[in-house]
Structures are given as structure tokens and as C-alpha cells.
Amino acid sequence: MVITNPRLYTIVFLMNKKTGRAHINFQPTPVKGIKAIALCPNEVLHLQDVKDVVGISFGIMPNFLMNRNFLQVFGNPKKAFEVKKAGIISASNFLKNLIKRFKTEDYSVEENIHFLLSTVKINEVSNLEDLAPFQFIVLVHLFYKSEHRLQFYSKMIGYTTKHIATVFEKNGFKTPHFYIKSRLIQEAKRLLVFTNLSVSHICYDIGFNEPAYFTRFFKKEMDMTPTSFRKQWKNKKYQLIQ
């Protein structure tokens, strides 16, 4: 099973007594117990040997870019989270109650989104400056195809490039450039596997001007060419859910 959505943010709740297999953006991730997977638009989740799956998608609202829970879930490189157990009798009942809640009309869309975010276990950040890396990554997800420059994202959150790099390092993140490159590679992989677009078309789609440069960039990051990556994944059978 493959879960991806081109426009919406998605939280996928998984329950598995034994260790199942998942790939988040083509990176392997073991799944056991109950987990929440946070996917931004066009991120990809592959699942194998996972018993129960509940996915809930929603569009972004302007005020959510300043919502601490939203930023720390969808701007978090971690992607896979524990679920808060407070008030939960069992993982199975949690999933049943979740489905029941979203089938009723007792709550507004915004209330349901706040509830979803509140179920995800995060290390809450109280300092506004320490929230900056999460803001940065959320913005990268929004603008990565048109903006590859660190200066663009730093300016949007009110920091110099030097200071944002310091904040990333202080909070244990990789460099800001890493997250821009990583998002470009993720989207290139998705297009290589799930479309028949040429490498040149993919190059232009994610904001590169020269196919030869894009191929060198991809090979440096992945240790294989885009064509080789496509061959490696293209023959696998998927049930695609969008």
C-alpha cells in the first residue's frame, strides 16, 4: 500500500503488534505498536505487513503556520511519532474512536485538526526562536520547487542565514541546506517512481534549469543516477491511495 496526497496534509495512524515495514519517502522505518506518520503534500508512505491503518487528510489554514503543534508535527524531520496514551484504553479503541469522531458532525474541521495534532507525542518547544527550524522546514515543503535559496526561507521567518544556521545547530538539526536538498530529492524520487515523466521533465518540474546538472545533483545525493533509481523501484507493485 502506498499513501500520498498532492495537495493535503495527512496523519496516518498505524497499529501493528509485530514489527511491520514502512518506507517514509523511500527511507525504511520499522513500525510496531501504534504510530502516527505525518506527511506533507506529495510525501510518500509505503506500507507492508501493517494490520490497521487510518489516514486523515486536511488542507492547510493560514493560521496553522503559526500553530506550534502543526509546525512541530509537519515541520519535524522525524515523521514517525508515538501517540499519546492518556485516556486511551487500547490502541484498537483509539483507532475506532478516531474514525467515529470524524464521521460525526459534532466538531468543526478546525477542532478535528487540533484534536489530531494533540494526539501526536512531541517534545514541545516553548522558545519562539527554537521553533524557527520547524517553520523553515514547513516553508520548504510549500516552496521547494520554485525556491532553492536559503536566503528566501530565512527572510520569511525573519532571520539572517548565519543566525538560522546557528539555531539549527543549537537544536540538533542538520544544516538548513540539507532540508532543501532533501525535499528536492524526495520529490524527484516520487516522480521517477509514480510517473512516466522523462528525467528532463522532472528536472524542470522541481526548479532545475539543466538536466545534466540535476543528474549530477541526484547522483551525488543518492549514489546512483535518476534512471537507475527508477529501475530499482519501478517494477514493484503498489496499491496507490491518494
Protein backbone atom coordinates (compact mmCIF):
# COMPACT_ATOMS: atom_id res chain seq x y z
CA MET A 1 0.00 0.00 0.00
CA VAL A 2 1.25 3.49 -0.86
CA ILE A 3 -0.25 6.63 0.67
CA THR A 4 0.43 10.07 -0.83
CA ASN A 5 -1.62 13.21 -1.46
CA PRO A 6 -0.65 16.01 -3.86
CA ARG A 7 -2.41 18.84 -2.00
CA LEU A 8 -3.28 17.83 1.55
CA TYR A 9 -1.51 17.24 4.86
CA THR A 10 -2.05 13.72 6.17
CA ILE A 11 -1.63 11.98 9.51
CA VAL A 12 -1.60 8.20 9.16
CA PHE A 13 -2.19 6.15 12.31
CA LEU A 14 -0.77 2.64 12.19
CA MET A 15 -1.29 -0.23 14.59
CA ASN A 16 0.79 -3.37 14.50
CA LYS A 17 1.53 -5.88 17.27
CA LYS A 18 4.51 -7.26 15.39
CA THR A 19 7.11 -5.18 13.61
CA GLY A 20 5.78 -4.11 10.21
CA ARG A 21 7.66 -2.48 7.37
CA ALA A 22 7.25 1.08 6.19
CA HIS A 23 9.16 3.40 3.89
CA ILE A 24 8.70 7.11 4.51
CA ASN A 25 9.87 8.99 1.43
CA PHE A 26 11.64 5.78 0.34
CA GLN A 27 13.56 5.50 3.64
CA PRO A 28 12.91 2.31 5.70
CA THR A 29 11.19 2.75 9.05
CA PRO A 30 10.17 -0.11 11.40
CA VAL A 31 6.59 0.05 12.68
CA LYS A 32 5.43 -1.58 15.91
CA GLY A 33 2.62 -0.69 18.28
CA ILE A 34 0.66 2.43 17.43
CA LYS A 35 2.41 5.16 15.46
CA ALA A 36 1.45 8.43 13.80
CA ILE A 37 3.10 9.28 10.48
CA ALA A 38 2.95 12.93 9.36
CA LEU A 39 3.01 13.53 5.61
CA CYS A 40 3.18 16.91 3.91
CA PRO A 41 1.72 17.19 0.38
CA ASN A 42 3.40 14.80 -2.07
CA GLU A 43 5.34 12.94 0.62
CA VAL A 44 5.11 9.16 0.25
CA LEU A 45 4.42 6.34 2.70
CA HIS A 46 4.86 2.68 1.62
CA LEU A 47 3.38 0.07 3.97
CA GLN A 48 3.91 -3.68 4.22
CA ASP A 49 2.73 -6.12 6.90
CA VAL A 50 0.81 -3.43 8.81
CA LYS A 51 -2.51 -4.56 10.29
CA ASP A 52 -4.63 -1.43 10.90
CA VAL A 53 -4.27 1.86 9.05
CA VAL A 54 -6.30 5.06 9.47
CA GLY A 55 -5.32 8.12 7.43
CA ILE A 56 -6.85 11.59 7.80
CA SER A 57 -6.04 14.43 5.41
CA PHE A 58 -6.73 18.15 5.58
CA GLY A 59 -5.78 21.36 3.81
CA ILE A 60 -3.60 23.98 5.37
CA MET A 61 -5.18 27.01 7.01
CA PRO A 62 -3.25 30.32 7.16
CA ASN A 63 -3.11 30.46 10.97
CA PHE A 64 -1.59 26.96 11.10
CA LEU A 65 1.79 28.34 10.01
CA MET A 66 1.98 29.88 13.47
CA ASN A 67 0.46 26.90 15.27
CA ARG A 68 3.15 25.26 17.39
CA ASN A 69 1.69 21.75 17.20
CA PHE A 70 1.25 21.92 13.43
CA LEU A 71 4.83 23.17 12.95
CA GLN A 72 6.34 20.59 15.30
CA VAL A 73 4.50 17.74 13.61
CA PHE A 74 4.70 18.66 9.91
CA GLY A 75 7.97 20.58 10.17
CA ASN A 76 9.63 17.75 12.07
CA PRO A 77 12.21 15.66 10.16
CA LYS A 78 11.29 12.72 12.40
CA LYS A 79 8.00 11.95 10.52
CA ALA A 80 7.08 8.92 12.70
CA PHE A 81 5.77 9.65 16.20
CA GLU A 82 4.45 7.89 19.27
CA VAL A 83 0.79 8.51 20.08
CA LYS A 84 -0.22 9.97 23.43
CA LYS A 85 -1.74 7.22 25.54
CA ALA A 86 -3.59 9.44 28.03
CA GLY A 87 -7.20 8.32 28.20
CA ILE A 88 -6.68 5.58 25.63
CA ILE A 89 -7.90 2.15 26.77
CA SER A 90 -6.24 0.38 23.88
CA ALA A 91 -4.71 1.21 20.53
CA SER A 92 -7.58 -0.57 18.80
CA ASN A 93 -10.18 1.51 20.64
CA PHE A 94 -8.23 4.66 19.87
CA LEU A 95 -8.48 3.99 16.13
CA LYS A 96 -12.19 3.13 16.39
CA ASN A 97 -12.91 6.30 18.37
CA LEU A 98 -10.90 8.34 15.88
CA ILE A 99 -12.97 7.06 12.96
CA LYS A 100 -16.19 7.63 14.92
CA ARG A 101 -15.22 11.22 15.76
CA PHE A 102 -14.58 12.12 12.13
CA LYS A 103 -17.85 10.56 10.94
CA THR A 104 -19.95 12.76 13.21
CA GLU A 105 -20.80 16.42 12.62
CA ASP A 106 -20.27 17.34 16.27
CA TYR A 107 -16.95 19.07 15.66
CA SER A 108 -15.71 21.69 13.23
CA VAL A 109 -12.89 20.91 10.80
CA GLU A 110 -10.56 23.11 12.81
CA GLU A 111 -11.48 21.36 16.07
CA ASN A 112 -10.78 17.98 14.48
CA ILE A 113 -7.38 19.13 13.18
CA HIS A 114 -6.43 20.46 16.61
CA PHE A 115 -7.50 17.14 18.12
CA LEU A 116 -5.40 15.18 15.60
CA LEU A 117 -2.32 17.25 16.32
CA SER A 118 -2.86 16.90 20.07
CA THR A 119 -2.66 13.07 19.84
CA VAL A 120 0.89 13.15 18.46
CA LYS A 121 3.65 12.95 21.07
CA ILE A 122 6.21 15.72 20.51
CA ASN A 123 8.85 17.44 22.61
CA GLU A 124 7.07 20.77 22.84
CA VAL A 125 9.18 23.86 22.19
CA SER A 126 8.41 26.89 24.33
CA ASN A 127 11.04 29.28 22.97
CA LEU A 128 9.92 31.08 19.78
CA GLU A 129 13.44 31.05 18.34
CA ASP A 130 13.68 27.27 18.80
CA LEU A 131 10.52 26.96 16.70
CA ALA A 132 12.32 28.51 13.71
CA PRO A 133 13.72 25.23 12.27
CA PHE A 134 10.20 23.75 12.17
CA GLN A 135 8.88 26.90 10.46
CA PHE A 136 11.74 26.71 7.98
CA ILE A 137 11.01 23.08 7.05
CA VAL A 138 7.25 23.71 6.68
CA LEU A 139 8.06 26.59 4.31
CA VAL A 140 10.45 24.38 2.34
CA HIS A 141 7.59 21.94 1.79
CA LEU A 142 5.49 24.79 0.43
CA PHE A 143 8.03 26.44 -1.87
CA TYR A 144 10.80 23.94 -2.68
CA LYS A 145 10.01 23.72 -6.40
CA SER A 146 10.42 27.44 -7.01
CA GLU A 147 12.88 28.42 -4.27
CA HIS A 148 16.15 26.60 -3.64
CA ARG A 149 17.85 29.52 -1.87
CA LEU A 150 18.48 29.56 1.87
CA GLN A 151 18.04 33.36 1.88
CA PHE A 152 14.40 33.08 0.76
CA TYR A 153 13.37 30.92 3.74
CA SER A 154 15.49 32.77 6.29
CA LYS A 155 13.95 36.09 5.28
CA MET A 156 10.42 34.70 5.54
CA ILE A 157 10.92 33.85 9.21
CA GLY A 158 12.93 36.99 9.98
CA TYR A 159 16.47 35.62 10.41
CA THR A 160 19.79 36.08 8.68
CA THR A 161 21.21 32.98 7.00
CA LYS A 162 24.01 32.89 9.56
CA HIS A 163 21.65 33.07 12.52
CA ILE A 164 19.24 30.44 11.19
CA ALA A 165 22.18 28.06 10.73
CA THR A 166 23.15 28.68 14.36
CA VAL A 167 19.60 27.97 15.57
CA PHE A 168 19.51 24.71 13.57
CA GLU A 169 22.81 23.57 15.07
CA LYS A 170 21.79 24.55 18.61
CA ASN A 171 18.63 22.44 18.35
CA GLY A 172 20.30 19.35 16.90
CA PHE A 173 19.08 19.75 13.32
CA LYS A 174 21.17 19.19 10.23
CA THR A 175 22.05 22.26 8.16
CA PRO A 176 19.24 24.31 6.56
CA HIS A 177 20.66 23.48 3.12
CA PHE A 178 20.27 19.77 3.90
CA TYR A 179 16.48 20.10 4.25
CA ILE A 180 16.14 22.00 0.97
CA LYS A 181 18.20 19.38 -0.89
CA SER A 182 16.40 16.52 0.85
CA ARG A 183 12.98 17.80 -0.20
CA LEU A 184 14.10 18.16 -3.82
CA ILE A 185 15.44 14.61 -3.83
CA GLN A 186 12.22 13.28 -2.26
CA GLU A 187 10.08 14.84 -4.97
CA ALA A 188 12.42 13.66 -7.73
CA LYS A 189 12.11 10.10 -6.36
CA ARG A 190 8.33 10.32 -6.23
CA LEU A 191 8.10 11.50 -9.84
CA LEU A 192 10.57 8.86 -11.02
CA VAL A 193 8.58 6.04 -9.41
CA PHE A 194 4.96 7.13 -9.82
CA THR A 195 5.02 8.91 -13.18
CA ASN A 196 6.44 8.24 -16.63
CA LEU A 197 7.88 11.74 -16.93
CA SER A 198 11.32 11.97 -18.50
CA VAL A 199 14.30 12.89 -16.33
CA SER A 200 14.48 16.23 -18.15
CA HIS A 201 10.82 16.95 -17.41
CA ILE A 202 11.35 16.10 -13.73
CA CYS A 203 14.41 18.33 -13.67
CA TYR A 204 12.39 21.35 -14.83
CA ASP A 205 9.39 20.45 -12.67
CA ILE A 206 11.38 20.79 -9.44
CA GLY A 207 13.10 24.01 -10.46
CA PHE A 208 16.40 22.97 -12.06
CA ASN A 209 17.47 24.59 -15.32
CA GLU A 210 19.87 21.95 -16.65
CA PRO A 211 19.12 18.19 -16.81
CA ALA A 212 22.84 17.38 -16.72
CA TYR A 213 23.27 19.38 -13.50
CA PHE A 214 20.17 17.75 -11.99
CA THR A 215 21.53 14.27 -12.80
CA ARG A 216 24.86 15.12 -11.12
CA PHE A 217 22.99 16.52 -8.10
CA PHE A 218 20.84 13.37 -7.80
CA LYS A 219 23.79 11.02 -8.21
CA LYS A 220 25.83 12.87 -5.59
CA GLU A 221 22.99 12.57 -3.06
CA MET A 222 21.83 9.03 -3.93
CA ASP A 223 24.97 7.37 -5.30
CA MET A 224 23.01 6.38 -8.42
CA THR A 225 21.52 8.13 -11.44
CA PRO A 226 17.81 9.03 -11.66
CA THR A 227 17.37 6.32 -14.31
CA SER A 228 18.93 3.67 -12.07
CA PHE A 229 16.72 4.69 -9.16
CA ARG A 230 13.63 4.46 -11.37
CA LYS A 231 14.57 0.93 -12.49
CA GLN A 232 15.15 -0.14 -8.89
CA TRP A 233 11.66 0.89 -7.74
CA LYS A 234 9.52 0.85 -10.89
CA ASN A 235 9.00 -2.91 -11.04
CA LYS A 236 7.42 -3.10 -7.58
CA LYS A 237 3.64 -3.46 -7.35
CA TYR A 238 1.72 -0.85 -5.37
CA GLN A 239 -1.80 -0.14 -4.25
CA LEU A 240 -1.72 3.66 -4.56
CA ILE A 241 -4.01 5.65 -2.25
CA GLN A 242 -4.29 9.39 -2.83
